[in-house]
Amino acid sequence: MKRSLITAASVIAASAGVTATVATTSSSAATAHAASTATVQLRSTGKGKILVNAKGFVLYDFAKDPKGGEACQKVSGCLKVWPALISSKPTAGPGVKSSLLGTVKLTNGQRQVTYAGHPLYGYVADDAPGDTDYIGVSQFGGAWDALTASGGIVK
């Protein structure tokens, strides 16, 4: 059963210290995503082998993104809830094809990591490495799915 989705308003309120429970969850998850290196790895999960960051947290694909482009930054609050994986030179872990890694430039000048043309994101509410509860949810106008080593979508 899926847990409640975090909204941009709850992340903003949490960062202002309005709700201690959300602040703790969002803050620790955001730190886990922000602290992770730009190494893209594979992890076996109940949904199969999917892409994760260096700390083992799922990397998501936003269905609304055009191939090789990024739409989340244009939706108010989206990147606060679904933070982009940032790096100018991503690296591939075992089983990940380095030839499928790339980047796309965000409006703030940072480079977001892509895989097979799909920009990669974390999710602030993922509790632990390998947490797959949010794969396939719909938020900010599109579905959030995982990716396989070949770049295929996992719903």
Foldseek 3Di string as FASTA:
>chain_A
DFDDADFLVLLVCLVVVNDVVSVVLLVVLVCVLVVFALEWEWDQAPLGTFIDTPQQAFKKFWPPADQLGDDQVVQPSSCSFWPFRWDQQHHYDPLADSVQWHWHADPVGTTGIGGVRTGITGGSNQDHRRRPSQAQDDDSHTGIFTAHSVGDTGD
